[in-house]
C-alpha atoms as a PDB file:
ATOM      1  CA  MET A   1      27.219   7.055   0.745  1.00  0.00           C
ATOM      2  CA  ASN A   2      24.070   8.703  -0.635  1.00  0.00           C
ATOM      3  CA  VAL A   3      22.477   7.268  -3.736  1.00  0.00           C
ATOM      4  CA  LYS A   4      19.501   8.388  -5.813  1.00  0.00           C
ATOM      5  CA  PRO A   5      18.350   6.266  -7.523  1.00  0.00           C
ATOM      6  CA  LEU A   6      19.402   3.305  -5.413  1.00  0.00           C
ATOM      7  CA  ALA A   7      20.935   0.219  -6.998  1.00  0.00           C
ATOM      8  CA  VAL A   8      21.084  -2.032  -3.952  1.00  0.00           C
ATOM      9  CA  ALA A   9      23.186  -4.740  -5.563  1.00  0.00           C
ATOM     10  CA  ALA A  10      25.799  -2.188  -6.598  1.00  0.00           C
ATOM     11  CA  LEU A  11      25.790  -0.676  -3.131  1.00  0.00           C
ATOM     12  CA  LEU A  12      26.424  -4.037  -1.543  1.00  0.00           C
ATOM     13  CA  ALA A  13      29.281  -4.764  -3.874  1.00  0.00           C
ATOM     14  CA  MET A  14      30.966  -1.631  -2.538  1.00  0.00           C
ATOM     15  CA  THR A  15      30.037  -2.131   1.126  1.00  0.00           C
ATOM     16  CA  THR A  16      30.592  -5.816   1.858  1.00  0.00           C
ATOM     17  CA  SER A  17      32.461  -4.898   5.033  1.00  0.00           C
ATOM     18  CA  VAL A  18      29.187  -3.626   6.492  1.00  0.00           C
ATOM     19  CA  TRP A  19      27.864  -7.136   7.098  1.00  0.00           C
ATOM     20  CA  ALA A  20      30.889  -8.453   8.935  1.00  0.00           C
ATOM     21  CA  ALA A  21      30.020  -6.497  12.074  1.00  0.00           C
ATOM     22  CA  PRO A  22      32.225  -7.169  15.132  1.00  0.00           C
ATOM     23  CA  ALA A  23      30.501  -8.887  18.026  1.00  0.00           C
ATOM     24  CA  VAL A  24      30.875  -5.776  20.199  1.00  0.00           C
ATOM     25  CA  GLN A  25      29.051  -3.633  17.659  1.00  0.00           C
ATOM     26  CA  SER A  26      25.538  -2.554  18.683  1.00  0.00           C
ATOM     27  CA  VAL A  27      22.717  -4.156  16.730  1.00  0.00           C
ATOM     28  CA  ASP A  28      20.934  -0.793  17.036  1.00  0.00           C
ATOM     29  CA  ARG A  29      23.536   0.814  14.803  1.00  0.00           C
ATOM     30  CA  VAL A  30      21.917   2.522  11.812  1.00  0.00           C
ATOM     31  CA  LEU A  31      22.714   0.427   8.755  1.00  0.00           C
ATOM     32  CA  ALA A  32      20.678   2.301   6.169  1.00  0.00           C
ATOM     33  CA  VAL A  33      18.333   5.256   5.804  1.00  0.00           C
ATOM     34  CA  ALA A  34      15.284   4.992   3.539  1.00  0.00           C
ATOM     35  CA  ASP A  35      13.726   8.442   3.221  1.00  0.00           C
ATOM     36  CA  LYS A  36      12.581   9.255   6.773  1.00  0.00           C
ATOM     37  CA  GLN A  37      13.055   5.806   8.313  1.00  0.00           C
ATOM     38  CA  VAL A  38      16.184   3.999   9.469  1.00  0.00           C
ATOM     39  CA  ILE A  39      17.069   0.320   9.147  1.00  0.00           C
ATOM     40  CA  THR A  40      19.225  -0.941  12.001  1.00  0.00           C
ATOM     41  CA  LEU A  41      21.824  -3.663  11.947  1.00  0.00           C
ATOM     42  CA  GLY A  42      19.627  -5.651  14.330  1.00  0.00           C
ATOM     43  CA  GLU A  43      16.645  -5.478  11.971  1.00  0.00           C
ATOM     44  CA  PHE A  44      18.864  -6.581   9.111  1.00  0.00           C
ATOM     45  CA  GLN A  45      20.317  -9.499  11.083  1.00  0.00           C
ATOM     46  CA  ASP A  46      16.829 -10.670  12.151  1.00  0.00           C
ATOM     47  CA  ALA A  47      15.557 -10.508   8.555  1.00  0.00           C
ATOM     48  CA  LEU A  48      18.674 -12.276   7.273  1.00  0.00           C
ATOM     49  CA  LYS A  49      18.170 -15.059   9.803  1.00  0.00           C
ATOM     50  CA  ARG A  50      14.540 -15.533   8.674  1.00  0.00           C
ATOM     51  CA  ASN A  51      15.537 -15.554   5.020  1.00  0.00           C
ATOM     52  CA  ARG A  52      18.285 -18.110   5.639  1.00  0.00           C
ATOM     53  CA  ALA A  53      15.803 -20.369   7.420  1.00  0.00           C
ATOM     54  CA  ALA A  54      13.358 -20.057   4.515  1.00  0.00           C
ATOM     55  CA  LEU A  55      15.887 -21.128   1.860  1.00  0.00           C
ATOM     56  CA  PRO A  56      15.008 -24.486   0.288  1.00  0.00           C
ATOM     57  CA  LYS A  57      17.388 -27.341   0.952  1.00  0.00           C
ATOM     58  CA  GLY A  58      20.255 -27.362  -1.532  1.00  0.00           C
ATOM     59  CA  SER A  59      19.764 -23.723  -2.551  1.00  0.00           C
ATOM     60  CA  SER A  60      22.619 -22.253  -4.596  1.00  0.00           C
ATOM     61  CA  VAL A  61      22.086 -18.718  -3.246  1.00  0.00           C
ATOM     62  CA  THR A  62      25.331 -17.384  -1.775  1.00  0.00           C
ATOM     63  CA  ASP A  63      25.414 -15.559   1.532  1.00  0.00           C
ATOM     64  CA  GLN A  64      26.308 -12.291  -0.186  1.00  0.00           C
ATOM     65  CA  GLN A  65      23.343 -12.683  -2.568  1.00  0.00           C
ATOM     66  CA  LEU A  66      21.065 -13.356   0.386  1.00  0.00           C
ATOM     67  CA  GLN A  67      22.379 -10.268   2.166  1.00  0.00           C
ATOM     68  CA  SER A  68      21.706  -8.193  -0.948  1.00  0.00           C
ATOM     69  CA  GLN A  69      18.172  -9.546  -1.270  1.00  0.00           C
ATOM     70  CA  THR A  70      17.503  -8.978   2.424  1.00  0.00           C
ATOM     71  CA  LEU A  71      18.587  -5.340   2.353  1.00  0.00           C
ATOM     72  CA  SER A  72      16.577  -4.768  -0.835  1.00  0.00           C
ATOM     73  CA  GLN A  73      13.485  -6.178   0.880  1.00  0.00           C
ATOM     74  CA  LEU A  74      13.957  -4.011   3.971  1.00  0.00           C
ATOM     75  CA  VAL A  75      14.516  -0.834   1.927  1.00  0.00           C
ATOM     76  CA  ASP A  76      11.563  -1.546  -0.380  1.00  0.00           C
ATOM     77  CA  HIS A  77       9.263  -2.381   2.549  1.00  0.00           C
ATOM     78  CA  SER A  78      10.210   0.829   4.365  1.00  0.00           C
ATOM     79  CA  LEU A  79       9.652   2.976   1.273  1.00  0.00           C
ATOM     80  CA  MET A  80       6.288   1.324   0.608  1.00  0.00           C
ATOM     81  CA  VAL A  81       5.051   1.836   4.165  1.00  0.00           C
ATOM     82  CA  GLN A  82       6.017   5.507   3.972  1.00  0.00           C
ATOM     83  CA  MET A  83       4.430   5.965   0.533  1.00  0.00           C
ATOM     84  CA  ALA A  84       1.195   4.344   1.721  1.00  0.00           C
ATOM     85  CA  SER A  85       0.982   6.596   4.796  1.00  0.00           C
ATOM     86  CA  ARG A  86       1.974   9.705   2.863  1.00  0.00           C
ATOM     87  CA  THR A  87      -0.728   9.204   0.232  1.00  0.00           C
ATOM     88  CA  GLY A  88      -3.621   8.632   2.616  1.00  0.00           C
ATOM     89  CA  ILE A  89      -3.864   4.849   2.904  1.00  0.00           C
ATOM     90  CA  GLN A  90      -5.131   3.885   6.338  1.00  0.00           C
ATOM     91  CA  VAL A  91      -5.431   0.698   8.375  1.00  0.00           C
ATOM     92  CA  SER A  92      -7.983   0.498  11.187  1.00  0.00           C
ATOM     93  CA  ASP A  93      -7.495  -1.164  14.579  1.00  0.00           C
ATOM     94  CA  THR A  94     -10.196  -3.666  13.567  1.00  0.00           C
ATOM     95  CA  GLU A  95      -8.261  -4.628  10.438  1.00  0.00           C
ATOM     96  CA  ILE A  96      -5.125  -5.151  12.512  1.00  0.00           C
ATOM     97  CA  LYS A  97      -6.945  -7.405  14.990  1.00  0.00           C
ATOM     98  CA  GLN A  98      -8.496  -9.423  12.155  1.00  0.00           C
ATOM     99  CA  ASN A  99      -5.148  -9.985  10.440  1.00  0.00           C
ATOM    100  CA  MET A 100      -2.712 -10.758  13.265  1.00  0.00           C
ATOM    101  CA  GLY A 101      -1.852 -14.041  11.560  1.00  0.00           C
ATOM    102  CA  LEU A 102      -0.364 -12.076   8.668  1.00  0.00           C
ATOM    103  CA  VAL A 103       2.913 -11.654  10.594  1.00  0.00           C
ATOM    104  CA  LYS A 104       4.500 -14.363  12.723  1.00  0.00           C
ATOM    105  CA  LYS A 105       5.266 -13.150  16.225  1.00  0.00           C
ATOM    106  CA  THR A 106       8.836 -13.882  17.288  1.00  0.00           C
ATOM    107  CA  ALA A 107       9.957 -14.526  20.855  1.00  0.00           C
ATOM    108  CA  ASP A 108      11.606 -11.112  21.221  1.00  0.00           C
ATOM    109  CA  MET A 109       8.665  -9.154  19.758  1.00  0.00           C
ATOM    110  CA  THR A 110       6.311  -7.192  22.050  1.00  0.00           C
ATOM    111  CA  ASP A 111       2.585  -7.066  21.340  1.00  0.00           C
ATOM    112  CA  LYS A 112       2.933  -3.441  20.220  1.00  0.00           C
ATOM    113  CA  GLN A 113       5.759  -4.329  17.823  1.00  0.00           C
ATOM    114  CA  TRP A 114       3.680  -7.205  16.469  1.00  0.00           C
ATOM    115  CA  GLN A 115       0.696  -4.927  15.860  1.00  0.00           C
ATOM    116  CA  THR A 116       2.936  -2.382  14.139  1.00  0.00           C
ATOM    117  CA  ALA A 117       4.356  -5.101  11.884  1.00  0.00           C
ATOM    118  CA  VAL A 118       0.834  -6.213  10.937  1.00  0.00           C
ATOM    119  CA  ARG A 119      -0.205  -2.608  10.286  1.00  0.00           C
ATOM    120  CA  ASP A 120       2.800  -2.073   8.028  1.00  0.00           C
ATOM    121  CA  ALA A 121       2.104  -5.310   6.135  1.00  0.00           C
ATOM    122  CA  LEU A 122      -1.489  -4.210   5.532  1.00  0.00           C
ATOM    123  CA  LEU A 123      -0.347  -0.755   4.396  1.00  0.00           C
ATOM    124  CA  VAL A 124       2.002  -2.359   1.867  1.00  0.00           C
ATOM    125  CA  GLU A 125      -0.735  -4.709   0.620  1.00  0.00           C
ATOM    126  CA  LYS A 126      -3.169  -1.824   0.154  1.00  0.00           C
ATOM    127  CA  LEU A 127      -0.496   0.194  -1.648  1.00  0.00           C
ATOM    128  CA  LYS A 128       0.130  -2.719  -4.008  1.00  0.00           C
ATOM    129  CA  GLN A 129      -3.596  -3.079  -4.609  1.00  0.00           C
ATOM    130  CA  ARG A 130      -3.854   0.587  -5.530  1.00  0.00           C
ATOM    131  CA  ASP A 131      -0.663   1.178  -7.505  1.00  0.00           C
ATOM    132  CA  LEU A 132       0.247  -2.270  -8.820  1.00  0.00           C
ATOM    133  CA  TYR A 133      -2.671  -4.707  -8.908  1.00  0.00           C
ATOM    134  CA  SER A 134      -4.969  -2.052 -10.379  1.00  0.00           C
ATOM    135  CA  LYS A 135      -2.843  -2.090 -13.543  1.00  0.00           C
ATOM    136  CA  VAL A 136      -3.396  -5.824 -14.017  1.00  0.00           C
ATOM    137  CA  ARG A 137      -6.431  -7.056 -15.924  1.00  0.00           C
ATOM    138  CA  ILE A 138      -7.633 -10.633 -15.418  1.00  0.00           C
ATOM    139  CA  THR A 139     -10.436 -11.715 -17.775  1.00  0.00           C
ATOM    140  CA  ASP A 140     -12.981 -14.480 -17.251  1.00  0.00           C
ATOM    141  CA  ALA A 141     -11.531 -16.191 -20.338  1.00  0.00           C
ATOM    142  CA  GLU A 142      -8.043 -16.268 -18.780  1.00  0.00           C
ATOM    143  CA  ILE A 143      -9.425 -17.776 -15.577  1.00  0.00           C
ATOM    144  CA  THR A 144     -11.342 -20.418 -17.526  1.00  0.00           C
ATOM    145  CA  GLN A 145      -8.270 -21.297 -19.590  1.00  0.00           C
ATOM    146  CA  ALA A 146      -6.109 -21.593 -16.458  1.00  0.00           C
ATOM    147  CA  ILE A 147      -8.674 -23.895 -14.858  1.00  0.00           C
ATOM    148  CA  ASP A 148      -8.843 -26.018 -18.023  1.00  0.00           C
ATOM    149  CA  ASN A 149      -5.070 -26.501 -17.767  1.00  0.00           C
ATOM    150  CA  LEU A 150      -5.246 -27.779 -14.185  1.00  0.00           C
ATOM    151  CA  PRO A 151      -4.979 -31.505 -13.401  1.00  0.00           C
ATOM    152  CA  GLU A 152      -8.421 -33.102 -13.322  1.00  0.00           C
ATOM    153  CA  LYS A 153      -8.321 -33.627  -9.552  1.00  0.00           C
ATOM    154  CA  GLU A 154      -7.892 -29.873  -8.999  1.00  0.00           C
ATOM    155  CA  LYS A 155     -10.781 -28.868 -11.228  1.00  0.00           C
ATOM    156  CA  LYS A 156     -14.340 -28.138 -10.207  1.00  0.00           C
ATOM    157  CA  GLN A 157     -15.825 -30.240  -7.480  1.00  0.00           C
ATOM    158  CA  SER A 158     -19.403 -29.486  -6.510  1.00  0.00           C
ATOM    159  CA  SER A 159     -19.787 -28.218  -2.962  1.00  0.00           C
ATOM    160  CA  GLY A 160     -23.502 -28.867  -2.776  1.00  0.00           C
ATOM    161  CA  HIS A 161     -24.441 -25.227  -2.205  1.00  0.00           C
ATOM    162  CA  THR A 162     -24.408 -22.010  -4.214  1.00  0.00           C
ATOM    163  CA  VAL A 163     -23.162 -18.464  -3.752  1.00  0.00           C
ATOM    164  CA  THR A 164     -24.112 -15.198  -5.396  1.00  0.00           C
ATOM    165  CA  ALA A 165     -21.780 -13.849  -8.076  1.00  0.00           C
ATOM    166  CA  TYR A 166     -21.905 -10.206  -9.165  1.00  0.00           C
ATOM    167  CA  LEU A 167     -21.017  -8.516 -12.456  1.00  0.00           C
ATOM    168  CA  PRO A 168     -19.838  -5.030 -11.405  1.00  0.00           C
ATOM    169  CA  GLN A 169     -18.998  -2.022 -13.525  1.00  0.00           C
ATOM    170  CA  HIS A 170     -16.979   0.854 -12.084  1.00  0.00           C
ATOM    171  CA  ILE A 171     -15.283   4.178 -12.659  1.00  0.00           C
ATOM    172  CA  LEU A 172     -12.146   4.906 -10.635  1.00  0.00           C
ATOM    173  CA  ILE A 173     -10.479   8.198  -9.761  1.00  0.00           C
ATOM    174  CA  ALA A 174      -7.243   7.247  -8.011  1.00  0.00           C
ATOM    175  CA  VAL A 175      -5.844   8.845  -4.872  1.00  0.00           C
ATOM    176  CA  ASP A 176      -2.077   8.727  -5.072  1.00  0.00           C
ATOM    177  CA  SER A 177       1.064  10.813  -4.732  1.00  0.00           C
ATOM    178  CA  LYS A 178      -0.166  13.086  -7.536  1.00  0.00           C
ATOM    179  CA  THR A 179      -3.850  13.413  -6.583  1.00  0.00           C
ATOM    180  CA  LYS A 180      -5.137  14.541  -3.189  1.00  0.00           C
ATOM    181  CA  ASP A 181      -8.138  12.856  -1.592  1.00  0.00           C
ATOM    182  CA  ALA A 182     -10.286  15.991  -1.790  1.00  0.00           C
ATOM    183  CA  ASP A 183      -9.513  16.509  -5.484  1.00  0.00           C
ATOM    184  CA  ALA A 184     -10.345  12.893  -6.337  1.00  0.00           C
ATOM    185  CA  LEU A 185     -13.603  13.115  -4.393  1.00  0.00           C
ATOM    186  CA  ALA A 186     -14.596  16.335  -6.177  1.00  0.00           C
ATOM    187  CA  LYS A 187     -13.869  14.708  -9.549  1.00  0.00           C
ATOM    188  CA  ILE A 188     -15.864  11.539  -8.840  1.00  0.00           C
ATOM    189  CA  ARG A 189     -18.820  13.639  -7.646  1.00  0.00           C
ATOM    190  CA  GLU A 190     -18.682  15.629 -10.868  1.00  0.00           C
ATOM    191  CA  LEU A 191     -18.710  12.414 -12.921  1.00  0.00           C
ATOM    192  CA  ARG A 192     -21.622  11.033 -10.908  1.00  0.00           C
ATOM    193  CA  SER A 193     -23.586  14.205 -11.573  1.00  0.00           C
ATOM    194  CA  ARG A 194     -22.929  13.920 -15.313  1.00  0.00           C
ATOM    195  CA  ILE A 195     -24.275  10.364 -15.298  1.00  0.00           C
ATOM    196  CA  SER A 196     -27.241  10.855 -12.958  1.00  0.00           C
ATOM    197  CA  ASN A 197     -28.429  13.940 -14.848  1.00  0.00           C
ATOM    198  CA  GLY A 198     -28.709  11.832 -17.974  1.00  0.00           C
ATOM    199  CA  GLY A 199     -26.248  13.806 -20.025  1.00  0.00           C
ATOM    200  CA  GLU A 200     -23.668  11.033 -20.441  1.00  0.00           C
ATOM    201  CA  SER A 201     -23.656   7.266 -20.128  1.00  0.00           C
ATOM    202  CA  PHE A 202     -21.754   5.333 -17.495  1.00  0.00           C
ATOM    203  CA  GLU A 203     -19.950   3.480 -20.287  1.00  0.00           C
ATOM    204  CA  SER A 204     -18.675   6.573 -22.113  1.00  0.00           C
ATOM    205  CA  ILE A 205     -17.387   8.170 -18.909  1.00  0.00           C
ATOM    206  CA  ALA A 206     -15.743   4.899 -17.856  1.00  0.00           C
ATOM    207  CA  ARG A 207     -13.916   4.752 -21.187  1.00  0.00           C
ATOM    208  CA  SER A 208     -12.750   8.374 -21.102  1.00  0.00           C
ATOM    209  CA  GLN A 209     -12.293   9.125 -17.389  1.00  0.00           C
ATOM    210  CA  SER A 210     -11.731   5.947 -15.360  1.00  0.00           C
ATOM    211  CA  GLN A 211      -8.179   5.510 -14.078  1.00  0.00           C
ATOM    212  CA  ASP A 212      -8.454   1.731 -14.005  1.00  0.00           C
ATOM    213  CA  PRO A 213      -6.952   1.069 -17.444  1.00  0.00           C
ATOM    214  CA  GLY A 214      -7.888  -2.608 -17.459  1.00  0.00           C
ATOM    215  CA  SER A 215     -11.630  -2.100 -17.122  1.00  0.00           C
ATOM    216  CA  ALA A 216     -11.901   1.348 -18.742  1.00  0.00           C
ATOM    217  CA  LYS A 217     -11.503  -0.061 -22.240  1.00  0.00           C
ATOM    218  CA  ASN A 218     -14.272  -2.547 -21.407  1.00  0.00           C
ATOM    219  CA  ASP A 219     -16.824   0.148 -20.410  1.00  0.00           C
ATOM    220  CA  GLY A 220     -15.789  -0.254 -16.765  1.00  0.00           C
ATOM    221  CA  VAL A 221     -16.892  -3.900 -16.549  1.00  0.00           C
ATOM    222  CA  LEU A 222     -14.727  -5.919 -14.156  1.00  0.00           C
ATOM    223  CA  GLY A 223     -15.986  -9.460 -14.696  1.00  0.00           C
ATOM    224  CA  TRP A 224     -17.883 -11.815 -12.402  1.00  0.00           C
ATOM    225  CA  ALA A 225     -16.915 -11.534  -8.735  1.00  0.00           C
ATOM    226  CA  VAL A 226     -17.679 -13.482  -5.579  1.00  0.00           C
ATOM    227  CA  ASP A 227     -16.776 -12.967  -1.931  1.00  0.00           C
ATOM    228  CA  GLY A 228     -13.124 -12.151  -1.390  1.00  0.00           C
ATOM    229  CA  MET A 229     -12.286 -11.070  -4.931  1.00  0.00           C
ATOM    230  CA  MET A 230     -12.652  -7.322  -4.350  1.00  0.00           C
ATOM    231  CA  VAL A 231     -11.314  -5.014  -1.640  1.00  0.00           C
ATOM    232  CA  PRO A 232     -13.773  -4.881   1.302  1.00  0.00           C
ATOM    233  CA  GLU A 233     -15.155  -1.360   0.705  1.00  0.00           C
ATOM    234  CA  PHE A 234     -15.885  -2.137  -2.948  1.00  0.00           C
ATOM    235  CA  GLU A 235     -17.338  -5.552  -2.160  1.00  0.00           C
ATOM    236  CA  ASN A 236     -19.659  -4.214   0.552  1.00  0.00           C
ATOM    237  CA  ALA A 237     -21.030  -1.539  -1.783  1.00  0.00           C
ATOM    238  CA  MET A 238     -21.372  -3.995  -4.673  1.00  0.00           C
ATOM    239  CA  LYS A 239     -23.380  -6.459  -2.588  1.00  0.00           C
ATOM    240  CA  SER A 240     -25.732  -3.788  -1.235  1.00  0.00           C
ATOM    241  CA  LEU A 241     -26.605  -2.140  -4.570  1.00  0.00           C
ATOM    242  CA  PRO A 242     -29.846  -2.964  -6.408  1.00  0.00           C
ATOM    243  CA  LYS A 243     -29.179  -4.163  -9.934  1.00  0.00           C
ATOM    244  CA  GLY A 244     -28.581  -1.189 -12.245  1.00  0.00           C
ATOM    245  CA  ALA A 245     -28.383   1.414  -9.459  1.00  0.00           C
ATOM    246  CA  LEU A 246     -25.559   3.966  -9.389  1.00  0.00           C
ATOM    247  CA  SER A 247     -23.602   4.075  -6.141  1.00  0.00           C
ATOM    248  CA  GLU A 248     -22.512   7.116  -4.221  1.00  0.00           C
ATOM    249  CA  PRO A 249     -18.710   7.693  -4.282  1.00  0.00           C
ATOM    250  CA  ILE A 250     -17.050   4.727  -2.568  1.00  0.00           C
ATOM    251  CA  ARG A 251     -13.588   5.162  -1.025  1.00  0.00           C
ATOM    252  CA  SER A 252     -11.198   2.210  -1.128  1.00  0.00           C
ATOM    253  CA  SER A 253      -7.427   1.823  -1.011  1.00  0.00           C
ATOM    254  CA  TYR A 254      -7.406   2.541  -4.756  1.00  0.00           C
ATOM    255  CA  GLY A 255      -9.264   5.842  -4.557  1.00  0.00           C
ATOM    256  CA  TYR A 256     -12.914   6.741  -5.275  1.00  0.00           C
ATOM    257  CA  HIS A 257     -15.275   4.542  -7.246  1.00  0.00           C
ATOM    258  CA  LEU A 258     -18.677   4.808  -8.839  1.00  0.00           C
ATOM    259  CA  ILE A 259     -20.153   1.306  -8.962  1.00  0.00           C
ATOM    260  CA  ARG A 260     -23.037  -0.278 -10.803  1.00  0.00           C
ATOM    261  CA  VAL A 261     -24.036  -3.963 -10.695  1.00  0.00           C
ATOM    262  CA  LEU A 262     -25.083  -5.131 -14.149  1.00  0.00           C
ATOM    263  CA  ASP A 263     -26.211  -8.625 -13.194  1.00  0.00           C
ATOM    264  CA  THR A 264     -26.103 -11.347 -10.541  1.00  0.00           C
ATOM    265  CA  ARG A 265     -26.176 -15.126 -10.742  1.00  0.00           C
ATOM    266  CA  GLN A 266     -26.025 -18.166  -8.517  1.00  0.00           C
ATOM    267  CA  GLN A 267     -23.087 -20.515  -8.999  1.00  0.00           C
ATOM    268  CA  ASP A 268     -21.682 -23.501  -7.216  1.00  0.00           C
ATOM    269  CA  ALA A 269     -19.571 -22.438  -4.247  1.00  0.00           C
ATOM    270  CA  GLY A 270     -16.830 -24.903  -5.167  1.00  0.00           C
ATOM    271  CA  ASP A 271     -16.545 -23.415  -8.643  1.00  0.00           C
ATOM    272  CA  ALA A 272     -16.627 -19.881  -7.231  1.00  0.00           C
ATOM    273  CA  GLU A 273     -13.846 -20.661  -4.753  1.00  0.00           C
ATOM    274  CA  LEU A 274     -11.708 -22.245  -7.468  1.00  0.00           C
ATOM    275  CA  ARG A 275     -12.175 -19.270  -9.795  1.00  0.00           C
ATOM    276  CA  ALA A 276     -11.302 -16.856  -6.981  1.00  0.00           C
ATOM    277  CA  LYS A 277      -8.171 -18.893  -6.154  1.00  0.00           C
ATOM    278  CA  VAL A 278      -7.041 -19.043  -9.793  1.00  0.00           C
ATOM    279  CA  ARG A 279      -7.737 -15.344 -10.284  1.00  0.00           C
ATOM    280  CA  LYS A 280      -5.526 -14.524  -7.293  1.00  0.00           C
ATOM    281  CA  GLN A 281      -2.735 -16.706  -8.692  1.00  0.00           C
ATOM    282  CA  LEU A 282      -2.946 -14.986 -12.097  1.00  0.00           C
ATOM    283  CA  LEU A 283      -3.007 -11.578 -10.425  1.00  0.00           C
ATOM    284  CA  GLU A 284       0.116 -12.363  -8.410  1.00  0.00           C
ATOM    285  CA  SER A 285       1.897 -13.770 -11.470  1.00  0.00           C
ATOM    286  CA  LYS A 286       1.172 -10.745 -13.660  1.00  0.00           C
ATOM    287  CA  SER A 287       1.929  -8.336 -10.823  1.00  0.00           C
ATOM    288  CA  GLU A 288       5.314  -9.976 -10.286  1.00  0.00           C
ATOM    289  CA  GLN A 289       6.224  -9.063 -13.859  1.00  0.00           C
ATOM    290  CA  LEU A 290       5.483  -5.390 -13.109  1.00  0.00           C
ATOM    291  CA  TYR A 291       6.920  -5.322  -9.591  1.00  0.00           C
ATOM    292  CA  GLY A 292      10.553  -4.661 -10.527  1.00  0.00           C
ATOM    293  CA  ASN A 293       9.818  -1.482 -12.468  1.00  0.00           C
ATOM    294  CA  TRP A 294       7.348  -0.318  -9.828  1.00  0.00           C
ATOM    295  CA  ALA A 295       9.820  -0.840  -6.967  1.00  0.00           C
ATOM    296  CA  ASN A 296      12.602   0.853  -8.954  1.00  0.00           C
ATOM    297  CA  GLN A 297      10.385   3.886  -9.447  1.00  0.00           C
ATOM    298  CA  LEU A 298       9.793   4.088  -5.700  1.00  0.00           C
ATOM    299  CA  ARG A 299      13.542   4.042  -5.101  1.00  0.00           C
ATOM    300  CA  GLN A 300      14.219   6.642  -7.788  1.00  0.00           C
ATOM    301  CA  ASN A 301      11.952   9.083  -5.964  1.00  0.00           C
ATOM    302  CA  ALA A 302      13.516   8.383  -2.569  1.00  0.00           C
ATOM    303  CA  TYR A 303      16.584   9.308  -0.547  1.00  0.00           C
ATOM    304  CA  VAL A 304      18.527   6.194   0.408  1.00  0.00           C
ATOM    305  CA  SER A 305      21.830   5.961   2.264  1.00  0.00           C
ATOM    306  CA  VAL A 306      23.771   2.829   3.225  1.00  0.00           C
ATOM    307  CA  ARG A 307      26.157   3.503   6.109  1.00  0.00           C
ATOM    308  CA  GLN A 308      29.739   2.254   6.203  1.00  0.00           C
END
């Protein structure tokens, strides 16, 4: 059964006999194909077992619904890993070592399999940052309002020390399935030349050329940021720039940036940590609203087959 686009729920409704695999059937049997990767019955059964264990007590989710959700997750994850690799997103060995806690190691998982699982999780996260989170705009006013709505005990508590906050401005040329790395780099270099030669302002180019729609309409200004709020490559460049200086092209999982720091300030570390936490929660909430359409688009551009 070949489907393009894939409607996983509809597929499952027509293939319920797939899940009732006889005991003698090999768990290595190919259950589904997602573009150039296969999903085996064993992988599905392991994921289903984890999802069952994670269900809250008294959940009304039926077993068939859980099977549908599990297959959807496996297909989506596979397509995302492939899209990330195909469009130039990379994960270093250092990143893998620093994030081993991202994936729980099971008893039957080798160290190599564990590292691969962590790598894939990081690839998916970077893909989401580039293609999903970049479309979400979180303003300082929204963060302040969300904090105001928190119970008093969760609001600001002074930590006794301060951290540096930065107000960055950027221009982004994305690297994605439509734009090659070399083309994006050539474009960002051209824009930097137009700014550094004095012919055009950073603000006007950000408004007309930046592919970060959230900040572009605000002259490229991103809002106050502290440690952990930006992807590492962006954050490292931001923290090293003198105020008002124009960066060289900076490559991140989103693409290429030109960065300028408009201002810095000292703020209580407790307040900074709370604002970073609330910002992440708002980002995840808004991203969740966009996720369905984004995942559907991935499937529509993919070859997917569920095997009988």
